[in-house]
Protein backbone atom coordinates (compact mmCIF):
# COMPACT_ATOMS: atom_id res chain seq x y z
CA GLU A 1 77.22 164.16 36.94
CA ASN A 2 78.80 162.92 40.26
CA LEU A 3 76.91 165.66 42.27
CA LYS A 4 73.67 164.76 40.45
CA LYS A 5 73.97 161.21 41.56
CA LEU A 6 74.84 162.21 45.12
CA LEU A 7 71.70 164.36 45.18
CA GLU A 8 69.59 161.37 43.95
CA ILE A 9 71.07 159.20 46.73
CA TYR A 10 70.47 161.95 49.33
CA GLU A 11 66.82 162.03 48.38
CA MET A 12 66.56 158.25 48.57
CA LEU A 13 67.99 158.39 52.15
CA GLY A 14 65.33 160.91 53.20
CA GLU A 15 67.74 163.91 53.11
CA GLU A 16 69.24 162.92 56.43
CA GLU A 17 72.73 161.92 55.52
CA ASP A 18 75.35 164.66 54.65
CA ILE A 19 76.67 162.93 51.55
CA VAL A 20 76.40 165.78 48.99
CA ASN A 21 80.00 166.87 48.87
CA PRO A 22 82.25 167.15 45.75
CA SER A 23 84.87 164.99 47.50
CA ASN A 24 82.45 162.10 47.85
CA GLU A 25 82.39 159.66 44.93
CA LEU A 26 79.97 156.71 44.53
CA ILE A 27 81.89 153.60 43.69
CA LYS A 28 79.15 150.93 43.75
CA GLU A 29 75.65 150.44 45.03
CA GLY A 30 73.25 147.51 45.22
CA HIS A 31 71.21 144.94 47.02
CA ILE A 32 72.85 142.44 49.40
CA LEU A 33 71.83 139.97 51.98
CA LYS A 34 72.73 140.40 55.63
CA LEU A 35 73.17 137.20 57.62
CA ALA A 36 71.62 137.38 61.05
CA ALA A 37 74.03 136.60 63.89
CA ARG A 38 71.46 134.71 66.03
CA ASN A 39 69.74 132.55 63.42
CA THR A 40 70.27 131.40 59.91
CA SER A 41 68.03 133.90 58.16
CA ALA A 42 69.15 136.39 55.56
CA MET A 43 67.65 139.91 55.33
CA ASP A 44 67.47 142.20 52.27
CA ARG A 45 69.78 145.23 52.68
CA TYR A 46 71.23 147.83 50.34
CA LEU A 47 74.76 149.18 50.28
CA PHE A 48 76.23 152.43 48.92
CA LEU A 49 80.01 152.30 48.68
CA PHE A 50 81.79 155.65 48.38
CA ASN A 51 85.42 156.51 48.18
CA ASN A 52 85.39 157.31 51.95
CA MET A 53 82.52 155.27 53.51
CA LEU A 54 80.03 152.45 53.27
CA LEU A 55 76.39 153.09 53.95
CA TYR A 56 74.58 150.04 55.23
CA CYS A 57 70.83 150.62 54.60
CA VAL A 58 67.50 148.91 55.20
CA PRO A 59 64.93 149.22 52.30
CA LYS A 60 61.79 151.21 53.10
CA PHE A 61 58.59 150.39 51.26
CA SER A 62 57.38 153.79 50.33
CA LEU A 63 55.44 155.04 47.28
CA VAL A 64 57.17 158.44 47.34
CA GLY A 65 60.36 159.96 48.74
CA GLN A 66 62.67 158.07 51.00
CA LYS A 67 63.59 154.62 49.86
CA PHE A 68 66.28 153.60 52.44
CA THR A 69 67.06 154.10 55.98
CA VAL A 70 70.73 154.22 56.92
CA ARG A 71 71.55 151.72 59.72
CA THR A 72 75.28 152.23 59.83
CA ARG A 73 77.95 154.48 58.27
CA ILE A 74 81.27 152.65 58.22
CA GLY A 75 84.42 154.62 57.43
CA ILE A 76 86.82 153.23 54.87
CA ASP A 77 89.87 153.93 57.05
CA GLY A 78 90.85 150.63 58.77
CA MET A 79 88.04 148.70 57.10
CA LYS A 80 88.72 145.00 56.44
CA VAL A 81 86.86 142.72 54.06
CA THR A 82 87.37 138.93 54.69
CA GLU A 83 85.82 135.93 53.03
CA THR A 84 83.80 133.72 55.28
CA TYR A 85 82.61 130.17 54.90
CA ASN A 86 79.00 129.19 55.58
CA ASP A 87 77.48 125.87 54.46
CA ASP A 88 73.95 127.32 54.25
CA TYR A 89 74.92 130.51 52.39
CA PRO A 90 77.58 130.50 49.61
CA HIS A 91 79.58 133.66 48.70
CA THR A 92 79.65 135.19 52.12
CA PHE A 93 82.10 137.78 53.48
CA GLN A 94 82.58 140.01 56.53
CA VAL A 95 83.03 143.74 56.50
CA SER A 96 84.73 145.01 59.64
CA GLY A 97 85.06 148.62 60.50
CA LYS A 98 85.54 150.83 63.52
CA GLU A 99 81.79 151.22 63.76
CA ARG A 100 80.50 147.79 63.11
CA THR A 101 81.09 144.28 61.66
CA LEU A 102 78.62 142.78 59.13
CA GLU A 103 78.31 139.36 57.60
CA LEU A 104 76.94 139.66 54.05
CA GLN A 105 76.12 137.44 51.14
CA ALA A 106 76.45 138.57 47.55
């Protein structure tokens, strides 16, 4: 069942990410808003959280095949999640990894 789900995600990502591995386990997935650093807009994004990585994706509007493009793969090792405070956007937090830092709103 786990491998079946990994194959579905692999197809949604355009078969470009090497996620189909028995040691990978999907923990959670879903839409989220990414807060822009330069202005106060929020952009629709999609996250896949696995036991060893977080895939930060951009939705693709396609009738068939690929549904997301992976922008960043953040390793779980050393990752920090901290709550942030923003008057314009409630429920924000920051994900910091070796690869990138993202400010998100749930």
